């Protein structure tokens, strides 16, 4: 066995792109005791939430206002939507949660949708969807994975059924409550 001492290893035909292979099939590449490695992180990533209540109408798809960001690694969340930055296309994981309040026994069902480029693509319902009982408050949650290209954007929408066809409230909260939120991150190219 011999030692190789270098400061940098670069692909010979490119500057900053290309593939460098360590080891061969069936081999294990190990780090020396006390050495560390840098792994790719799941970015871009963000978490935005509703910090104030929003009034929405009966049986109409309405975009949810997510006025506060807990984090946004690539400044890709703005105006209530996440937009894939240039060069960051790939598979993304998203999680949404919408909490709605309609007063005493007025709320029957709520639905949540994620929209891609202005069109619905993921659909989630509250746990009360099949139950005929009216409630004060309901929550819809869901997660999905989707292929996105640079410039694609994702938005969160709500729909609900109200006993008297009245309005309901999308419930906002603090950074520790996340009653209504949208989060996501890139998982692979």
N, C-alpha and C. Protein backbone atom coordinates (compact mmCIF):
# COMPACT_ATOMS: atom_id res chain seq x y z
N UNK A 1 0.85 -1.17 0.00
CA UNK A 1 0.00 0.00 0.00
C UNK A 1 0.90 1.23 0.00
N UNK A 2 0.47 2.26 -0.72
CA UNK A 2 1.24 3.49 -0.76
C UNK A 2 0.34 4.66 -0.40
N UNK A 3 0.92 5.75 -0.04
CA UNK A 3 0.20 6.97 0.33
C UNK A 3 0.25 7.97 -0.80
N UNK A 4 -0.83 8.72 -0.96
CA UNK A 4 -0.90 9.78 -1.94
C UNK A 4 -1.23 11.07 -1.19
N UNK A 5 -0.38 12.06 -1.31
CA UNK A 5 -0.58 13.33 -0.61
C UNK A 5 -0.92 14.41 -1.64
N UNK A 6 -2.11 15.00 -1.52
CA UNK A 6 -2.54 16.04 -2.45
C UNK A 6 -3.30 17.12 -1.68
N UNK A 7 -3.42 18.30 -2.28
CA UNK A 7 -4.25 19.36 -1.71
C UNK A 7 -5.61 19.40 -2.39
N UNK A 8 -5.65 19.14 -3.69
CA UNK A 8 -6.90 19.18 -4.45
C UNK A 8 -6.91 18.07 -5.48
N UNK A 9 -8.08 17.48 -5.71
CA UNK A 9 -8.27 16.53 -6.81
C UNK A 9 -9.35 17.12 -7.70
N UNK A 10 -9.04 17.30 -8.97
CA UNK A 10 -9.99 17.88 -9.92
C UNK A 10 -10.07 17.00 -11.15
N UNK A 11 -11.25 16.98 -11.75
CA UNK A 11 -11.45 16.26 -13.01
C UNK A 11 -10.61 16.95 -14.08
N UNK A 12 -9.84 16.20 -14.85
CA UNK A 12 -8.88 16.79 -15.78
C UNK A 12 -9.51 17.53 -16.95
N UNK A 13 -10.72 17.17 -17.36
CA UNK A 13 -11.28 17.79 -18.56
C UNK A 13 -12.26 18.92 -18.27
N UNK A 14 -12.44 19.27 -17.02
CA UNK A 14 -13.42 20.33 -16.72
C UNK A 14 -13.00 21.12 -15.50
N UNK A 15 -13.69 22.19 -15.31
CA UNK A 15 -13.45 23.01 -14.12
C UNK A 15 -14.76 23.09 -13.35
N UNK A 16 -14.90 22.28 -12.34
CA UNK A 16 -16.08 22.32 -11.50
C UNK A 16 -17.19 21.38 -11.95
N UNK A 17 -16.97 20.57 -12.99
CA UNK A 17 -17.98 19.59 -13.37
C UNK A 17 -17.28 18.33 -13.82
N UNK A 18 -18.02 17.25 -13.92
CA UNK A 18 -17.44 15.96 -14.28
C UNK A 18 -17.56 15.01 -13.12
N UNK A 19 -17.15 13.77 -13.33
CA UNK A 19 -17.25 12.75 -12.29
C UNK A 19 -15.87 12.25 -11.92
N UNK A 20 -15.58 12.20 -10.66
CA UNK A 20 -14.34 11.64 -10.14
C UNK A 20 -14.74 10.40 -9.34
N UNK A 21 -14.18 9.25 -9.67
CA UNK A 21 -14.53 7.99 -9.03
C UNK A 21 -13.45 7.59 -8.04
N UNK A 22 -13.86 7.26 -6.83
CA UNK A 22 -12.95 6.74 -5.81
C UNK A 22 -13.27 5.27 -5.62
N UNK A 23 -12.28 4.41 -5.67
CA UNK A 23 -12.50 2.98 -5.47
C UNK A 23 -13.06 2.31 -6.70
N UNK A 24 -13.20 1.00 -6.61
CA UNK A 24 -13.75 0.19 -7.70
C UNK A 24 -14.92 -0.61 -7.15
N UNK A 25 -15.67 -1.22 -8.02
CA UNK A 25 -16.84 -2.00 -7.62
C UNK A 25 -16.45 -3.04 -6.57
N UNK A 26 -17.20 -3.10 -5.49
CA UNK A 26 -16.95 -4.06 -4.41
C UNK A 26 -16.00 -3.56 -3.34
N UNK A 27 -15.35 -2.43 -3.56
CA UNK A 27 -14.43 -1.88 -2.57
C UNK A 27 -15.16 -0.93 -1.63
N UNK A 28 -14.56 -0.70 -0.49
CA UNK A 28 -15.08 0.27 0.47
C UNK A 28 -14.11 1.42 0.57
N UNK A 29 -14.61 2.63 0.51
CA UNK A 29 -13.79 3.82 0.68
C UNK A 29 -14.03 4.29 2.11
N UNK A 30 -12.97 4.32 2.92
CA UNK A 30 -13.11 4.66 4.33
C UNK A 30 -12.33 5.93 4.65
N UNK A 31 -12.80 6.65 5.67
CA UNK A 31 -12.09 7.82 6.17
C UNK A 31 -11.21 7.39 7.35
N UNK A 32 -10.07 8.03 7.46
CA UNK A 32 -9.17 7.74 8.58
C UNK A 32 -9.81 8.19 9.88
N UNK A 33 -9.40 7.61 10.97
CA UNK A 33 -9.91 7.98 12.29
C UNK A 33 -9.69 9.48 12.52
N UNK A 34 -10.75 10.18 12.92
CA UNK A 34 -10.67 11.61 13.18
C UNK A 34 -10.92 12.49 11.97
N UNK A 35 -10.98 11.88 10.76
CA UNK A 35 -11.27 12.66 9.54
C UNK A 35 -12.77 12.89 9.44
N UNK A 36 -13.14 13.92 8.72
CA UNK A 36 -14.57 14.19 8.53
C UNK A 36 -14.86 14.36 7.05
N UNK A 37 -16.13 14.25 6.70
CA UNK A 37 -16.52 14.44 5.31
C UNK A 37 -17.66 15.45 5.23
N UNK A 38 -17.77 16.08 4.10
CA UNK A 38 -18.85 17.01 3.86
C UNK A 38 -19.85 16.34 2.93
N UNK A 39 -21.09 16.26 3.37
CA UNK A 39 -22.15 15.64 2.56
C UNK A 39 -23.02 16.72 1.95
N UNK A 40 -23.60 16.38 0.84
CA UNK A 40 -24.56 17.30 0.22
C UNK A 40 -25.76 17.45 1.15
N UNK A 41 -26.31 18.64 1.23
CA UNK A 41 -27.49 18.88 2.06
C UNK A 41 -28.70 19.06 1.16
N UNK A 42 -29.85 18.91 1.76
CA UNK A 42 -31.09 19.01 1.01
C UNK A 42 -31.49 20.47 0.81
N UNK A 43 -30.84 21.11 -0.15
CA UNK A 43 -31.18 22.49 -0.48
C UNK A 43 -31.42 22.57 -1.98
N UNK A 44 -32.27 23.45 -2.38
CA UNK A 44 -32.95 24.47 -1.60
C UNK A 44 -33.97 23.83 -0.63
N UNK A 45 -34.19 24.52 0.47
CA UNK A 45 -35.20 24.10 1.43
C UNK A 45 -35.82 25.33 2.07
N UNK A 46 -37.06 25.18 2.56
CA UNK A 46 -37.77 26.30 3.17
C UNK A 46 -38.88 25.79 4.09
N UNK A 47 -39.32 26.64 4.98
CA UNK A 47 -40.54 26.43 5.75
C UNK A 47 -41.18 27.80 5.92
N UNK A 48 -42.40 27.93 5.40
CA UNK A 48 -43.16 29.17 5.51
C UNK A 48 -44.48 28.85 6.20
N UNK A 49 -44.97 29.80 7.00
CA UNK A 49 -46.22 29.54 7.73
C UNK A 49 -47.08 30.79 7.79
N UNK A 50 -48.35 30.57 8.10
CA UNK A 50 -49.30 31.67 8.27
C UNK A 50 -49.14 32.20 9.68
N UNK A 51 -48.71 33.43 9.80
CA UNK A 51 -48.53 34.02 11.13
C UNK A 51 -49.77 34.80 11.56
N UNK A 52 -50.70 35.00 10.63
CA UNK A 52 -51.97 35.66 10.98
C UNK A 52 -53.11 34.91 10.30
N UNK A 53 -54.32 35.10 10.81
CA UNK A 53 -55.50 34.43 10.26
C UNK A 53 -55.84 34.98 8.88
N UNK A 54 -56.52 34.15 8.08
CA UNK A 54 -56.97 34.53 6.75
C UNK A 54 -58.42 34.08 6.57
N UNK A 55 -59.30 34.97 6.18
CA UNK A 55 -60.69 34.63 5.93
C UNK A 55 -60.86 34.16 4.50
N UNK A 56 -61.51 32.99 4.32
CA UNK A 56 -61.73 32.43 3.00
C UNK A 56 -63.19 32.06 2.82
N UNK A 57 -63.65 32.03 1.58
CA UNK A 57 -65.05 31.76 1.26
C UNK A 57 -65.37 30.28 1.12
N UNK A 58 -66.65 29.97 1.24
CA UNK A 58 -67.23 28.63 1.19
C UNK A 58 -67.06 28.00 -0.20
N UNK A 59 -66.62 26.74 -0.25
CA UNK A 59 -66.51 25.91 -1.44
C UNK A 59 -65.86 26.61 -2.64
N UNK A 60 -64.73 27.24 -2.37
CA UNK A 60 -63.97 27.91 -3.42
C UNK A 60 -62.49 27.70 -3.13
N UNK A 61 -61.72 27.24 -4.11
CA UNK A 61 -60.28 27.06 -3.91
C UNK A 61 -59.63 28.42 -3.74
N UNK A 62 -58.91 28.58 -2.62
CA UNK A 62 -58.29 29.86 -2.26
C UNK A 62 -56.83 29.63 -1.92
N UNK A 63 -55.94 30.46 -2.47
CA UNK A 63 -54.52 30.36 -2.14
C UNK A 63 -54.31 30.80 -0.70
N UNK A 64 -53.53 30.02 0.05
CA UNK A 64 -53.24 30.31 1.44
C UNK A 64 -52.10 31.32 1.54
N UNK A 65 -52.29 32.33 2.37
CA UNK A 65 -51.26 33.34 2.61
C UNK A 65 -50.29 32.83 3.66
N UNK A 66 -49.04 32.70 3.27
CA UNK A 66 -47.98 32.22 4.17
C UNK A 66 -46.99 33.37 4.33
N UNK A 67 -47.27 34.23 5.30
CA UNK A 67 -46.56 35.49 5.41
C UNK A 67 -45.23 35.48 6.12
N UNK A 68 -44.85 34.35 6.74
CA UNK A 68 -43.61 34.33 7.51
C UNK A 68 -42.78 33.11 7.15
N UNK A 69 -41.48 33.31 6.99
CA UNK A 69 -40.56 32.20 6.72
C UNK A 69 -39.76 31.88 7.98
N UNK A 70 -39.71 30.61 8.33
CA UNK A 70 -38.82 30.19 9.40
C UNK A 70 -37.39 30.07 8.86
N UNK A 71 -37.27 29.51 7.64
CA UNK A 71 -35.99 29.48 6.93
C UNK A 71 -36.27 29.36 5.43
N UNK A 72 -35.30 29.78 4.65
CA UNK A 72 -35.39 29.75 3.18
C UNK A 72 -33.96 29.81 2.66
N UNK A 73 -33.35 28.65 2.45
CA UNK A 73 -31.91 28.58 2.17
C UNK A 73 -31.48 29.30 0.90
N UNK A 74 -32.35 29.35 -0.11
CA UNK A 74 -31.96 29.93 -1.39
C UNK A 74 -32.79 31.14 -1.76
N UNK A 75 -33.49 31.73 -0.79
CA UNK A 75 -34.39 32.86 -1.06
C UNK A 75 -35.34 32.52 -2.21
N UNK A 76 -35.88 31.29 -2.20
CA UNK A 76 -36.73 30.80 -3.27
C UNK A 76 -38.22 30.89 -2.92
N UNK A 77 -38.54 31.24 -1.68
CA UNK A 77 -39.95 31.40 -1.29
C UNK A 77 -40.27 32.88 -1.19
N UNK A 78 -41.27 33.32 -1.97
CA UNK A 78 -41.71 34.72 -1.96
C UNK A 78 -43.12 34.78 -2.51
N UNK A 79 -43.89 35.78 -2.06
CA UNK A 79 -45.25 35.99 -2.55
C UNK A 79 -46.09 34.72 -2.45
N UNK A 80 -45.96 34.01 -1.34
CA UNK A 80 -46.76 32.81 -1.03
C UNK A 80 -46.50 31.63 -1.96
N UNK A 81 -45.32 31.58 -2.57
CA UNK A 81 -44.99 30.43 -3.40
C UNK A 81 -43.50 30.16 -3.39
N UNK A 82 -43.17 28.88 -3.61
CA UNK A 82 -41.79 28.44 -3.73
C UNK A 82 -41.48 28.30 -5.22
N UNK A 83 -40.41 28.93 -5.68
CA UNK A 83 -39.99 28.85 -7.08
C UNK A 83 -38.62 28.18 -7.14
N UNK A 84 -38.50 27.14 -7.96
CA UNK A 84 -37.24 26.41 -8.09
C UNK A 84 -36.18 27.32 -8.70
N UNK A 85 -35.05 27.52 -7.98
CA UNK A 85 -33.99 28.38 -8.51
C UNK A 85 -33.31 27.78 -9.75
N UNK A 86 -32.66 28.62 -10.51
CA UNK A 86 -31.90 28.21 -11.68
C UNK A 86 -30.87 27.15 -11.28
N UNK A 87 -30.80 26.08 -12.07
CA UNK A 87 -29.83 25.02 -11.80
C UNK A 87 -30.22 24.06 -10.70
N UNK A 88 -31.43 24.18 -10.14
CA UNK A 88 -31.84 23.35 -9.00
C UNK A 88 -33.00 22.41 -9.31
N UNK A 89 -33.19 22.07 -10.58
CA UNK A 89 -34.24 21.11 -10.92
C UNK A 89 -33.95 19.75 -10.32
N UNK A 90 -34.99 18.94 -10.14
CA UNK A 90 -34.85 17.59 -9.59
C UNK A 90 -36.10 17.19 -8.84
N UNK A 91 -35.98 16.16 -8.01
CA UNK A 91 -37.11 15.70 -7.20
C UNK A 91 -37.15 16.49 -5.89
N UNK A 92 -38.35 16.92 -5.52
CA UNK A 92 -38.56 17.68 -4.29
C UNK A 92 -39.63 17.01 -3.43
N UNK A 93 -39.46 17.11 -2.12
CA UNK A 93 -40.45 16.65 -1.15
C UNK A 93 -41.12 17.89 -0.57
N UNK A 94 -42.46 17.86 -0.49
CA UNK A 94 -43.24 18.96 0.10
C UNK A 94 -44.18 18.42 1.16
N UNK A 95 -44.40 19.23 2.19
CA UNK A 95 -45.36 18.91 3.24
C UNK A 95 -46.20 20.15 3.50
N UNK A 96 -47.51 19.97 3.52
CA UNK A 96 -48.41 21.08 3.79
C UNK A 96 -49.35 20.75 4.93
N UNK A 97 -49.85 21.80 5.58
CA UNK A 97 -50.82 21.66 6.66
C UNK A 97 -51.68 22.91 6.67
N UNK A 98 -53.00 22.72 6.66
CA UNK A 98 -53.92 23.84 6.74
C UNK A 98 -54.89 23.57 7.88
N UNK A 99 -54.99 24.53 8.80
CA UNK A 99 -55.91 24.44 9.92
C UNK A 99 -56.99 25.49 9.72
N UNK A 100 -58.26 25.08 9.78
CA UNK A 100 -59.38 25.99 9.55
C UNK A 100 -60.34 25.98 10.73
N UNK A 101 -60.90 27.14 11.03
CA UNK A 101 -61.86 27.32 12.12
C UNK A 101 -63.09 28.04 11.57
N UNK A 102 -64.29 27.50 11.87
CA UNK A 102 -65.51 28.09 11.33
C UNK A 102 -66.56 28.39 12.39
N UNK A 103 -66.20 28.33 13.66
CA UNK A 103 -67.19 28.57 14.71
C UNK A 103 -67.90 27.28 15.08
N UNK A 104 -68.78 27.35 16.04
CA UNK A 104 -69.43 26.18 16.62
C UNK A 104 -70.16 25.35 15.57
N UNK A 105 -69.68 24.13 15.39
CA UNK A 105 -70.30 23.13 14.51
C UNK A 105 -70.67 23.65 13.12
N UNK A 106 -69.80 24.43 12.51
CA UNK A 106 -70.05 24.95 11.17
C UNK A 106 -69.20 24.32 10.08
N UNK A 107 -68.09 23.70 10.44
CA UNK A 107 -67.13 23.21 9.46
C UNK A 107 -67.31 21.71 9.26
N UNK A 108 -67.53 21.32 8.00
CA UNK A 108 -67.73 19.90 7.72
C UNK A 108 -66.48 19.26 7.13
N UNK A 109 -65.94 19.85 6.10
CA UNK A 109 -64.79 19.26 5.42
C UNK A 109 -63.83 20.36 4.99
N UNK A 110 -62.54 20.02 5.00
CA UNK A 110 -61.59 20.89 4.34
C UNK A 110 -60.69 20.04 3.45
N UNK A 111 -60.30 20.62 2.34
CA UNK A 111 -59.39 19.99 1.40
C UNK A 111 -58.19 20.91 1.23
N UNK A 112 -57.05 20.30 0.97
CA UNK A 112 -55.84 21.06 0.73
C UNK A 112 -55.26 20.57 -0.58
N UNK A 113 -54.77 21.49 -1.39
CA UNK A 113 -54.11 21.12 -2.64
C UNK A 113 -52.80 21.87 -2.77
N UNK A 114 -51.83 21.19 -3.34
CA UNK A 114 -50.62 21.86 -3.78
C UNK A 114 -50.78 22.10 -5.27
N UNK A 115 -50.46 23.30 -5.70
CA UNK A 115 -50.53 23.67 -7.11
C UNK A 115 -49.12 23.80 -7.66
N UNK A 116 -48.91 23.27 -8.87
CA UNK A 116 -47.64 23.43 -9.58
C UNK A 116 -47.91 24.31 -10.80
N UNK A 117 -47.23 25.44 -10.87
CA UNK A 117 -47.37 26.36 -12.00
C UNK A 117 -48.83 26.74 -12.25
N UNK A 118 -49.59 26.92 -11.16
CA UNK A 118 -50.98 27.36 -11.27
C UNK A 118 -52.00 26.26 -11.49
N UNK A 119 -51.56 24.99 -11.50
CA UNK A 119 -52.46 23.86 -11.71
C UNK A 119 -52.37 22.87 -10.55
N UNK A 120 -53.52 22.33 -10.09
CA UNK A 120 -53.49 21.38 -8.98
C UNK A 120 -52.75 20.09 -9.33
N UNK A 121 -51.95 19.57 -8.38
CA UNK A 121 -51.29 18.29 -8.64
C UNK A 121 -51.33 17.35 -7.45
N UNK A 122 -51.49 17.83 -6.23
CA UNK A 122 -51.57 16.96 -5.06
C UNK A 122 -52.77 17.39 -4.23
N UNK A 123 -53.53 16.43 -3.75
CA UNK A 123 -54.82 16.69 -3.13
C UNK A 123 -54.90 15.93 -1.81
N UNK A 124 -55.26 16.61 -0.72
CA UNK A 124 -55.35 15.99 0.60
C UNK A 124 -56.63 16.45 1.29
N UNK A 125 -57.23 15.57 2.10
CA UNK A 125 -58.45 15.94 2.81
C UNK A 125 -58.24 15.85 4.31
N UNK A 126 -59.14 16.49 5.05
CA UNK A 126 -59.12 16.39 6.50
C UNK A 126 -59.58 15.00 6.91
N UNK A 127 -59.31 14.62 8.14
CA UNK A 127 -59.73 13.31 8.65
C UNK A 127 -61.24 13.18 8.72
N UNK A 128 -61.96 14.28 8.72
CA UNK A 128 -63.41 14.29 8.86
C UNK A 128 -64.12 14.14 7.51
N UNK A 129 -63.41 13.84 6.44
CA UNK A 129 -64.01 13.86 5.11
C UNK A 129 -65.22 12.93 5.00
N UNK A 130 -65.15 11.73 5.52
CA UNK A 130 -66.26 10.77 5.41
C UNK A 130 -67.26 10.88 6.55
N UNK A 131 -66.93 11.62 7.57
CA UNK A 131 -67.82 11.78 8.72
C UNK A 131 -68.80 12.91 8.42
N UNK A 132 -70.06 12.69 8.68
CA UNK A 132 -71.08 13.69 8.37
C UNK A 132 -71.24 14.75 9.47
N UNK A 133 -70.50 14.63 10.56
CA UNK A 133 -70.62 15.57 11.67
C UNK A 133 -69.93 16.89 11.35
N UNK A 134 -70.54 17.97 11.78
CA UNK A 134 -69.93 19.29 11.65
C UNK A 134 -69.06 19.56 12.88
N UNK A 135 -68.00 20.30 12.68
CA UNK A 135 -67.06 20.57 13.76
C UNK A 135 -66.72 22.05 13.80
N UNK A 136 -66.04 22.45 14.87
CA UNK A 136 -65.57 23.82 15.00
C UNK A 136 -64.32 24.05 14.16
N UNK A 137 -63.43 23.04 14.15
CA UNK A 137 -62.11 23.20 13.57
C UNK A 137 -61.69 21.91 12.89
N UNK A 138 -60.97 22.01 11.78
CA UNK A 138 -60.46 20.85 11.04
C UNK A 138 -59.05 21.14 10.54
N UNK A 139 -58.28 20.08 10.30
CA UNK A 139 -56.93 20.20 9.76
C UNK A 139 -56.74 19.20 8.63
N UNK A 140 -56.15 19.65 7.54
CA UNK A 140 -55.75 18.77 6.45
C UNK A 140 -54.24 18.83 6.35
N UNK A 141 -53.62 17.67 6.20
CA UNK A 141 -52.16 17.60 6.06
C UNK A 141 -51.82 16.64 4.94
N UNK A 142 -50.63 16.77 4.40
CA UNK A 142 -50.19 15.84 3.38
C UNK A 142 -48.77 16.11 2.93
N UNK A 143 -48.16 15.07 2.37
CA UNK A 143 -46.80 15.16 1.84
C UNK A 143 -46.77 14.51 0.47
N UNK A 144 -45.88 14.99 -0.38
CA UNK A 144 -45.73 14.41 -1.71
C UNK A 144 -44.32 14.66 -2.24
N UNK A 145 -43.96 13.92 -3.27
CA UNK A 145 -42.70 14.10 -3.98
C UNK A 145 -43.03 14.40 -5.43
N UNK A 146 -42.33 15.36 -6.02
CA UNK A 146 -42.61 15.76 -7.40
C UNK A 146 -41.33 16.16 -8.11
N UNK A 147 -41.28 15.90 -9.40
CA UNK A 147 -40.18 16.36 -10.26
C UNK A 147 -40.43 17.81 -10.64
N UNK A 148 -39.43 18.66 -10.46
CA UNK A 148 -39.56 20.07 -10.79
C UNK A 148 -38.35 20.53 -11.61
N UNK A 149 -38.58 21.52 -12.45
CA UNK A 149 -37.51 22.14 -13.23
C UNK A 149 -37.33 23.58 -12.75
N UNK A 150 -36.20 24.18 -13.09
CA UNK A 150 -35.95 25.58 -12.73
C UNK A 150 -37.11 26.44 -13.22
N UNK A 151 -37.61 27.31 -12.36
CA UNK A 151 -38.71 28.19 -12.70
C UNK A 151 -40.08 27.66 -12.33
N UNK A 152 -40.22 26.34 -12.11
CA UNK A 152 -41.50 25.80 -11.64
C UNK A 152 -41.80 26.37 -10.26
N UNK A 153 -43.10 26.54 -9.93
CA UNK A 153 -43.44 27.06 -8.61
C UNK A 153 -44.58 26.26 -7.98
N UNK A 154 -44.57 26.25 -6.65
CA UNK A 154 -45.53 25.49 -5.84
C UNK A 154 -46.27 26.45 -4.91
N UNK A 155 -47.62 26.27 -4.83
CA UNK A 155 -48.45 27.08 -3.95
C UNK A 155 -49.39 26.17 -3.16
N UNK A 156 -49.90 26.66 -2.03
CA UNK A 156 -50.80 25.92 -1.14
C UNK A 156 -52.20 26.53 -1.23
N UNK A 157 -53.22 25.68 -1.45
CA UNK A 157 -54.61 26.12 -1.56
C UNK A 157 -55.50 25.36 -0.57
N UNK A 158 -56.65 25.97 -0.21
CA UNK A 158 -57.64 25.36 0.67
C UNK A 158 -59.03 25.45 0.04
N UNK A 159 -59.87 24.46 0.36
CA UNK A 159 -61.30 24.43 0.02
C UNK A 159 -62.01 23.89 1.25
N UNK A 160 -63.18 24.39 1.57
CA UNK A 160 -63.91 23.88 2.73
C UNK A 160 -65.41 23.92 2.50
N UNK A 161 -66.11 23.11 3.28
CA UNK A 161 -67.57 23.09 3.27
C UNK A 161 -68.07 23.61 4.61
N UNK A 162 -68.88 24.67 4.57
CA UNK A 162 -69.39 25.35 5.75
C UNK A 162 -70.89 25.08 5.86
N UNK A 163 -71.38 24.83 7.07
CA UNK A 163 -72.79 24.48 7.28
C UNK A 163 -73.75 25.52 6.72
N UNK A 164 -73.42 26.79 6.83
CA UNK A 164 -74.34 27.84 6.38
C UNK A 164 -73.79 28.60 5.16
N UNK A 165 -72.85 27.99 4.44
CA UNK A 165 -72.21 28.62 3.28
C UNK A 165 -71.47 29.90 3.64
N UNK A 166 -71.10 30.04 4.90
CA UNK A 166 -70.39 31.23 5.35
C UNK A 166 -68.89 31.10 5.17
N UNK A 167 -68.18 32.11 5.64
CA UNK A 167 -66.72 32.12 5.57
C UNK A 167 -66.13 31.28 6.69
N UNK A 168 -64.87 30.95 6.54
CA UNK A 168 -64.13 30.30 7.61
C UNK A 168 -62.77 30.98 7.72
N UNK A 169 -62.03 30.60 8.73
CA UNK A 169 -60.74 31.22 8.99
C UNK A 169 -59.63 30.19 8.87
N UNK A 170 -58.65 30.48 8.01
CA UNK A 170 -57.41 29.71 8.00
C UNK A 170 -56.61 30.25 9.18
N UNK A 171 -56.25 29.35 10.10
CA UNK A 171 -55.68 29.76 11.38
C UNK A 171 -54.17 29.95 11.26
N UNK A 172 -53.72 31.15 11.61
CA UNK A 172 -52.29 31.45 11.67
C UNK A 172 -51.75 31.12 13.05
N UNK A 173 -50.45 31.22 13.20
CA UNK A 173 -49.84 30.91 14.48
C UNK A 173 -48.43 31.46 14.56
N UNK A 174 -47.72 30.98 15.55
CA UNK A 174 -46.35 31.43 15.77
C UNK A 174 -45.37 30.41 15.19
N UNK A 175 -44.10 30.71 15.30
CA UNK A 175 -43.06 29.82 14.79
C UNK A 175 -43.03 28.49 15.53
N UNK A 176 -43.64 28.40 16.69
CA UNK A 176 -43.66 27.14 17.43
C UNK A 176 -44.93 26.34 17.20
N UNK A 177 -45.94 26.94 16.57
CA UNK A 177 -47.21 26.24 16.37
C UNK A 177 -47.37 25.65 14.98
N UNK A 178 -47.02 26.38 13.94
CA UNK A 178 -47.16 25.92 12.56
C UNK A 178 -48.53 25.32 12.28
N UNK A 179 -49.60 26.05 12.60
CA UNK A 179 -50.94 25.54 12.36
C UNK A 179 -51.25 25.45 10.88
N UNK A 180 -50.73 26.39 10.11
CA UNK A 180 -50.88 26.37 8.66
C UNK A 180 -49.50 26.65 8.07
N UNK A 181 -49.00 25.70 7.24
CA UNK A 181 -47.62 25.84 6.76
C UNK A 181 -47.41 25.09 5.46
N UNK A 182 -46.30 25.42 4.82
CA UNK A 182 -45.80 24.70 3.67
C UNK A 182 -44.28 24.63 3.81
N UNK A 183 -43.75 23.42 3.64
CA UNK A 183 -42.30 23.26 3.68
C UNK A 183 -41.88 22.32 2.56
N UNK A 184 -40.61 22.40 2.20
CA UNK A 184 -40.11 21.53 1.14
C UNK A 184 -38.62 21.58 1.02
N UNK A 185 -38.07 20.57 0.34
CA UNK A 185 -36.64 20.56 0.08
C UNK A 185 -36.35 19.62 -1.09
N UNK A 186 -35.23 19.90 -1.74
CA UNK A 186 -34.76 19.07 -2.85
C UNK A 186 -34.18 17.78 -2.30
N UNK A 187 -34.57 16.64 -2.88
CA UNK A 187 -34.03 15.37 -2.40
C UNK A 187 -32.98 14.80 -3.34
N UNK A 188 -33.18 14.90 -4.67
CA UNK A 188 -32.17 14.44 -5.62
C UNK A 188 -32.27 15.21 -6.92
N UNK A 189 -31.21 15.13 -7.72
CA UNK A 189 -31.17 15.80 -9.04
C UNK A 189 -32.21 15.19 -9.94
